[in-house]
Protein backbone atom coordinates (compact mmCIF):
# COMPACT_ATOMS: atom_id res chain seq x y z
CA UNK A 1 109.11 100.72 84.26
CA UNK A 2 112.40 98.56 82.84
CA UNK A 3 113.71 96.83 84.81
CA UNK A 4 115.68 96.42 88.72
CA UNK A 5 119.40 94.81 88.23
CA UNK A 6 123.05 95.55 89.26
CA UNK A 7 122.96 98.72 87.29
CA UNK A 8 119.86 99.68 89.63
CA UNK A 9 116.46 101.07 87.68
CA UNK A 10 117.04 100.95 83.58
CA UNK A 11 114.34 102.56 81.90
CA UNK A 12 113.67 103.35 78.15
CA UNK A 13 113.69 106.75 76.61
CA UNK A 14 110.12 108.54 76.53
CA UNK A 15 109.40 108.38 80.97
CA UNK A 16 108.22 111.31 81.95
CA UNK A 17 109.38 113.17 86.22
CA UNK A 18 108.36 116.59 86.82
CA UNK A 19 108.48 117.99 90.63
CA UNK A 20 107.79 120.98 91.61
CA UNK A 21 107.10 122.66 95.60
CA UNK A 22 107.75 125.83 96.89
CA UNK A 23 110.94 127.33 95.39
CA UNK A 24 109.08 128.38 92.77
CA UNK A 25 110.85 126.35 90.32
CA UNK A 26 109.85 123.19 88.06
CA UNK A 27 112.24 120.32 87.07
CA UNK A 28 112.22 117.83 84.87
CA UNK A 29 113.96 114.62 85.77
CA UNK A 30 115.40 111.60 83.87
CA UNK A 31 114.01 108.99 86.53
CA UNK A 32 116.69 105.97 85.59
CA UNK A 33 119.86 108.11 86.27
CA UNK A 34 118.47 110.93 88.81
CA UNK A 35 119.86 113.52 86.36
CA UNK A 36 117.85 116.78 86.08
CA UNK A 37 116.89 117.81 82.58
CA UNK A 38 115.40 121.13 82.91
CA UNK A 39 114.59 123.89 85.37
CA UNK A 40 111.81 125.40 84.67
CA UNK A 41 111.00 129.28 86.41
CA UNK A 42 106.94 129.37 88.06
CA UNK A 43 107.57 132.72 89.64
CA UNK A 44 104.50 133.62 90.69
CA UNK A 45 103.91 131.29 93.27
CA UNK A 46 104.80 128.21 94.90
CA UNK A 47 103.43 124.82 92.67
CA UNK A 48 100.21 123.45 94.48
CA UNK A 49 99.68 119.95 91.69
CA UNK A 50 100.86 119.21 88.15
CA UNK A 51 100.16 116.98 85.72
CA UNK A 52 100.95 115.87 82.24
CA UNK A 53 98.75 116.29 79.17
CA UNK A 54 97.08 113.11 77.89
CA UNK A 55 99.10 113.47 75.03
CA UNK A 56 102.43 114.14 76.85
CA UNK A 57 102.84 117.60 75.47
CA UNK A 58 102.14 119.90 77.88
CA UNK A 59 102.85 119.87 81.86
CA UNK A 60 99.85 121.50 83.49
CA UNK A 61 100.89 123.59 86.96
CA UNK A 62 98.50 125.09 89.56
CA UNK A 63 99.75 127.78 91.54
CA UNK A 64 98.50 130.72 92.94
CA UNK A 65 95.56 132.22 90.74
CA UNK A 66 96.90 130.42 88.22
CA UNK A 67 97.90 127.73 86.18
CA UNK A 68 100.67 127.80 83.91
CA UNK A 69 101.07 125.45 80.59
CA UNK A 70 104.61 124.50 79.92
CA UNK A 71 105.85 122.27 76.81
CA UNK A 72 107.25 119.52 77.85
CA UNK A 73 109.79 119.03 74.38
CA UNK A 74 110.84 122.27 74.71
CA UNK A 75 114.14 124.34 75.91
CA UNK A 76 111.95 127.25 76.57
CA UNK A 77 111.95 127.92 80.78
CA UNK A 78 108.40 129.52 80.22
CA UNK A 79 105.18 128.47 80.41
CA UNK A 80 103.62 128.79 77.13
CA UNK A 81 100.19 129.23 78.02
CA UNK A 82 98.48 130.97 81.14
CA UNK A 83 94.40 130.56 83.16
CA UNK A 84 93.63 133.47 84.92
CA UNK A 85 90.45 133.64 86.65
CA UNK A 86 90.67 132.42 90.03
CA UNK A 87 90.94 134.48 93.38
CA UNK A 88 92.84 132.08 95.41
CA UNK A 89 95.07 129.00 95.52
CA UNK A 90 93.96 126.02 92.54
CA UNK A 91 94.32 122.60 94.75
CA UNK A 92 93.90 120.56 92.07
CA UNK A 93 94.45 120.29 87.95
CA UNK A 94 93.71 117.45 85.59
CA UNK A 95 92.16 116.25 82.35
CA UNK A 96 89.86 115.14 80.22
CA UNK A 97 90.87 111.55 78.67
CA UNK A 98 91.23 113.16 75.00
CA UNK A 99 92.48 115.97 76.37
CA UNK A 100 89.86 118.56 75.10
CA UNK A 101 89.35 120.09 78.06
CA UNK A 102 90.66 120.58 81.39
CA UNK A 103 89.32 120.74 85.11
CA UNK A 104 90.32 122.65 87.85
CA UNK A 105 89.75 123.01 91.82
CA UNK A 106 90.46 126.07 93.64
CA UNK A 107 90.40 127.37 97.87
CA UNK A 108 87.83 130.35 96.00
CA UNK A 109 85.15 127.71 96.66
CA UNK A 110 85.32 127.04 92.46
CA UNK A 111 85.39 124.24 89.98
CA UNK A 112 85.75 125.10 86.24
CA UNK A 113 85.88 123.58 83.07
CA UNK A 114 88.27 124.90 81.23
CA UNK A 115 88.35 123.96 76.96
CA UNK A 116 92.08 123.75 75.70
CA UNK A 117 91.30 122.18 71.84
CA UNK A 118 89.85 125.38 70.36
CA UNK A 119 92.60 127.63 72.36
CA UNK A 120 89.92 129.16 74.72
CA UNK A 121 91.46 130.15 77.82
CA UNK A 122 88.14 131.35 78.82
CA UNK A 123 86.52 129.52 82.08
CA UNK A 124 83.53 127.24 80.20
CA UNK A 125 81.86 125.64 83.36
CA UNK A 126 81.36 126.06 87.47
CA UNK A 127 80.37 124.67 89.96
CA UNK A 128 80.34 126.53 92.98
CA UNK A 129 80.25 125.47 96.65
CA UNK A 130 80.38 127.80 99.74
CA UNK A 131 83.86 126.21 101.31
CA UNK A 132 87.18 125.91 100.22
CA UNK A 133 88.15 123.29 97.79
CA UNK A 134 91.10 121.50 98.74
CA UNK A 135 91.44 118.05 96.42
CA UNK A 136 89.23 116.70 92.76
CA UNK A 137 88.92 113.77 90.39
CA UNK A 138 87.22 112.93 87.71
CA UNK A 139 85.77 109.44 86.87
CA UNK A 140 86.41 107.45 84.16
CA UNK A 141 83.73 107.66 82.17
CA UNK A 142 84.56 111.21 82.02
CA UNK A 143 81.19 112.93 83.18
CA UNK A 144 81.26 113.02 87.12
CA UNK A 145 84.34 115.17 88.86
CA UNK A 146 84.09 114.32 92.66
CA UNK A 147 85.46 117.26 94.48
CA UNK A 148 86.63 117.51 98.54
CA UNK A 149 86.34 120.32 100.26
CA UNK A 150 87.55 121.81 103.44
CA UNK A 151 84.01 120.61 105.68
CA UNK A 152 84.86 117.78 105.05
CA UNK A 153 82.29 117.57 102.40
CA UNK A 154 82.84 115.10 99.17
CA UNK A 155 80.90 117.03 95.99
CA UNK A 156 79.79 114.76 93.19
CA UNK A 157 78.99 116.98 90.65
CA UNK A 158 77.52 114.89 87.14
CA UNK A 159 78.57 117.23 83.44
CA UNK A 160 75.48 115.43 82.22
CA UNK A 161 72.84 117.11 84.14
CA UNK A 162 74.94 119.39 86.36
CA UNK A 163 73.10 117.12 88.84
CA UNK A 164 74.85 117.72 92.99
CA UNK A 165 75.36 114.84 95.66
CA UNK A 166 77.11 115.28 98.88
CA UNK A 167 79.31 112.36 100.51
CA UNK A 168 79.94 113.46 104.53
CA UNK A 169 81.78 110.47 106.14
CA UNK A 170 83.88 112.25 108.32
CA UNK A 171 82.60 116.09 108.77
CA UNK A 172 85.11 118.93 110.29
CA UNK A 173 87.50 116.71 108.83
CA UNK A 174 88.59 117.81 104.92
CA UNK A 175 90.02 115.49 103.04
CA UNK A 176 93.18 116.12 101.29
CA UNK A 177 93.04 113.62 98.54
CA UNK A 178 90.97 112.12 96.02
CA UNK A 179 91.14 109.01 93.64
CA UNK A 180 89.51 106.35 91.40
CA UNK A 181 90.88 103.48 90.31
CA UNK A 182 91.03 103.08 86.29
CA UNK A 183 88.14 100.77 86.09
CA UNK A 184 86.35 103.10 87.59
CA UNK A 185 84.74 100.71 90.47
CA UNK A 186 86.62 102.02 93.64
CA UNK A 187 86.94 105.95 95.53
CA UNK A 188 89.55 106.40 98.29
CA UNK A 189 90.16 109.72 100.69
CA UNK A 190 91.70 110.81 102.71
CA UNK A 191 91.85 113.23 105.15
CA UNK A 192 93.35 115.49 108.00
CA UNK A 193 92.86 113.15 110.30
CA UNK A 194 94.58 110.44 108.53
CA UNK A 195 91.59 108.10 107.58
CA UNK A 196 91.22 106.88 104.34
CA UNK A 197 88.05 106.07 103.04
CA UNK A 198 86.88 103.72 100.05
CA UNK A 199 83.73 103.50 98.54
CA UNK A 200 82.39 101.06 95.81
CA UNK A 201 81.34 102.69 92.42
CA UNK A 202 78.14 101.15 90.33
CA UNK A 203 76.72 102.07 87.06
CA UNK A 204 73.34 103.51 87.45
CA UNK A 205 70.64 101.85 85.92
CA UNK A 206 70.36 105.20 83.76
CA UNK A 207 72.44 106.04 81.58
CA UNK A 208 72.45 110.03 82.68
CA UNK A 209 71.96 108.93 86.41
CA UNK A 210 75.23 109.64 88.43
CA UNK A 211 77.15 106.98 89.70
CA UNK A 212 75.63 105.09 92.64
CA UNK A 213 78.19 105.06 96.00
CA UNK A 214 78.48 102.77 98.60
CA UNK A 215 80.85 102.60 101.80
CA UNK A 216 83.56 100.02 101.64
CA UNK A 217 86.13 100.68 104.58
CA UNK A 218 87.34 102.95 106.46
CA UNK A 219 91.25 102.75 107.21
CA UNK A 220 92.51 104.44 110.13
CA UNK A 221 96.07 104.50 107.63
CA UNK A 222 98.15 107.10 109.51
CA UNK A 223 98.30 108.51 112.87
CA UNK A 224 98.73 112.40 111.41
CA UNK A 225 97.56 114.54 108.87
CA UNK A 226 96.83 112.12 105.65
CA UNK A 227 97.90 113.98 102.00
CA UNK A 228 97.11 111.55 99.31
CA UNK A 229 95.68 108.18 98.30
CA UNK A 230 96.56 107.13 95.25
CA UNK A 231 95.38 103.69 93.07
CA UNK A 232 97.91 101.34 91.84
CA UNK A 233 97.10 101.34 87.82
CA UNK A 234 95.93 98.05 88.27
CA UNK A 235 94.05 98.69 90.97
CA UNK A 236 95.48 95.92 93.23
CA UNK A 237 97.58 97.79 95.66
CA UNK A 238 96.29 101.65 97.15
CA UNK A 239 99.29 103.78 98.63
CA UNK A 240 98.61 106.79 101.17
CA UNK A 241 100.84 109.73 102.29
CA UNK A 242 101.07 111.56 105.51
CA UNK A 243 102.49 114.12 107.67
CA UNK A 244 104.18 110.86 109.53
CA UNK A 245 107.32 110.75 106.72
CA UNK A 246 105.40 107.72 105.74
CA UNK A 247 104.21 106.50 102.37
CA UNK A 248 102.19 103.43 103.04
CA UNK A 249 101.28 100.47 100.29
CA UNK A 250 97.68 98.96 100.93
CA UNK A 251 96.12 95.73 99.04
CA UNK A 252 93.05 97.13 98.25
CA UNK A 253 91.92 93.07 98.06
CA UNK A 254 91.46 92.76 101.99
CA UNK A 255 93.07 96.29 102.39
CA UNK A 256 95.73 94.69 104.98
CA UNK A 257 99.11 97.30 105.19
CA UNK A 258 101.49 95.34 102.51
CA UNK A 259 104.69 97.55 103.03
CA UNK A 260 105.30 100.75 104.80
CA UNK A 261 107.82 103.12 102.92
CA UNK A 262 110.43 105.65 104.89
CA UNK A 263 113.22 107.43 104.79
CA UNK A 264 116.15 106.12 107.30
CA UNK A 265 118.87 107.58 107.56
CA UNK A 266 120.77 109.09 110.59
CA UNK A 267 122.04 112.39 108.82
CA UNK A 268 118.29 112.99 107.41
CA UNK A 269 114.23 112.28 107.85
CA UNK A 270 111.72 112.45 104.60
CA UNK A 271 109.13 114.82 106.47
CA UNK A 272 105.92 115.32 104.86
CA UNK A 273 105.66 113.06 102.23
CA UNK A 274 102.92 115.66 99.64
CA UNK A 275 102.69 113.35 96.60
CA UNK A 276 103.07 109.98 94.92
CA UNK A 277 102.81 108.10 91.71
CA UNK A 278 102.82 104.10 90.90
CA UNK A 279 104.44 103.21 87.83
CA UNK A 280 101.89 101.57 85.05
CA UNK A 281 103.37 97.79 86.33
CA UNK A 282 103.17 98.89 90.25
CA UNK A 283 106.33 98.06 90.46
CA UNK A 284 107.71 100.95 91.64
CA UNK A 285 106.78 104.42 93.05
CA UNK A 286 107.94 108.09 93.32
CA UNK A 287 107.55 110.62 95.85
CA UNK A 288 107.84 114.12 96.22
CA UNK A 289 108.42 115.01 100.03
CA UNK A 290 109.21 118.82 102.08
CA UNK A 291 113.15 117.23 102.54
CA UNK A 292 113.73 118.43 99.13
CA UNK A 293 113.88 115.02 97.35
CA UNK A 294 111.89 112.87 95.62
CA UNK A 295 112.25 109.49 95.52
CA UNK A 296 112.03 106.33 93.93
CA UNK A 297 110.74 103.20 95.77
CA UNK A 298 111.07 99.86 94.39
CA UNK A 299 107.57 98.57 95.79
CA UNK A 300 108.15 95.26 96.94
CA UNK A 301 111.29 95.52 98.48
CA UNK A 302 110.98 99.21 99.94
CA UNK A 303 114.27 100.11 98.68
CA UNK A 304 115.35 103.77 97.27
CA UNK A 305 116.61 102.78 94.16
CA UNK A 306 116.78 106.50 93.07
CA UNK A 307 116.63 109.58 94.98
CA UNK A 308 116.44 113.22 92.66
CA UNK A 309 118.16 116.25 94.62
CA UNK A 310 117.89 119.73 93.06
CA UNK A 311 115.13 121.67 94.46
CA UNK A 312 115.89 124.17 97.26
CA UNK A 313 112.46 123.80 99.56
CA UNK A 314 109.78 121.80 100.20
CA UNK A 315 108.61 119.73 97.31
CA UNK A 316 104.27 119.80 97.14
CA UNK A 317 103.43 117.63 94.16
CA UNK A 318 105.03 115.56 91.29
CA UNK A 319 103.83 114.60 87.56
CA UNK A 320 104.77 110.67 86.66
CA UNK A 321 104.22 109.40 82.79
CA UNK A 322 106.31 105.67 81.85
CA UNK A 323 103.61 104.99 79.28
CA UNK A 324 102.43 106.71 75.86
């Protein structure tokens, strides 16, 4: 993401950072200066999740009963596409690698596939459970979705066959976030008790069979409510965030704690750290927290390099991209 010198963080053009939360706005930032470039209105509800489309032209924002799409390169402050058809909060949103379809998970108990390339705004496929969903991630193989629900179950949905498997490591502790490393070798999930579970994922004997899941590690990552578990792009680090006001960086080699990132200021407290994202070189981490601020951290030193100020209520999500 550029370099750190006497002038702080320098960054090439094209790095994307968006933040949102409870103030019904989405803000686009210049990551290297901390300047807000554009504020979009999201008047319907709070924003629960943000993600850039793979070609970086659109930003998807998940809220209450909808997903809105914003043009990244436009000066238009309003969404250009509206996806309707869910009855409660959409808690997760993401894209297939080539941007052909979008997936969502909702508290109405449904995970949905939406056709993007044909311009269709209607849901193409649905996976239903009897619990509110809390999180969702697409395997790098592009054919399996892993979905967390309120009961502490992780559902493995194979899109090729509609085959469905369940994983329940800690009943009644809802998983708040699931992530899979870029190579598809490991999956991590963090729950409301602050425990982070890591599994090994391996290719099955048959090309049509789902990934095989093997327990690898249970980490007592935080003493309070866990919020995010996110692998670095190279898979060497895992970041967990929590209601305990911290983000923690772990080595995936031995799951030892590398660093705790905590904003310490006598006049301010970071409060709940809701979201995080690594830079592509894993040297920096961006966080979003309940104190209305996003922060750019130097992972090695643990120092805050930049603070993004401008929201008027808690931040719950961010989207970050520093590569084409």
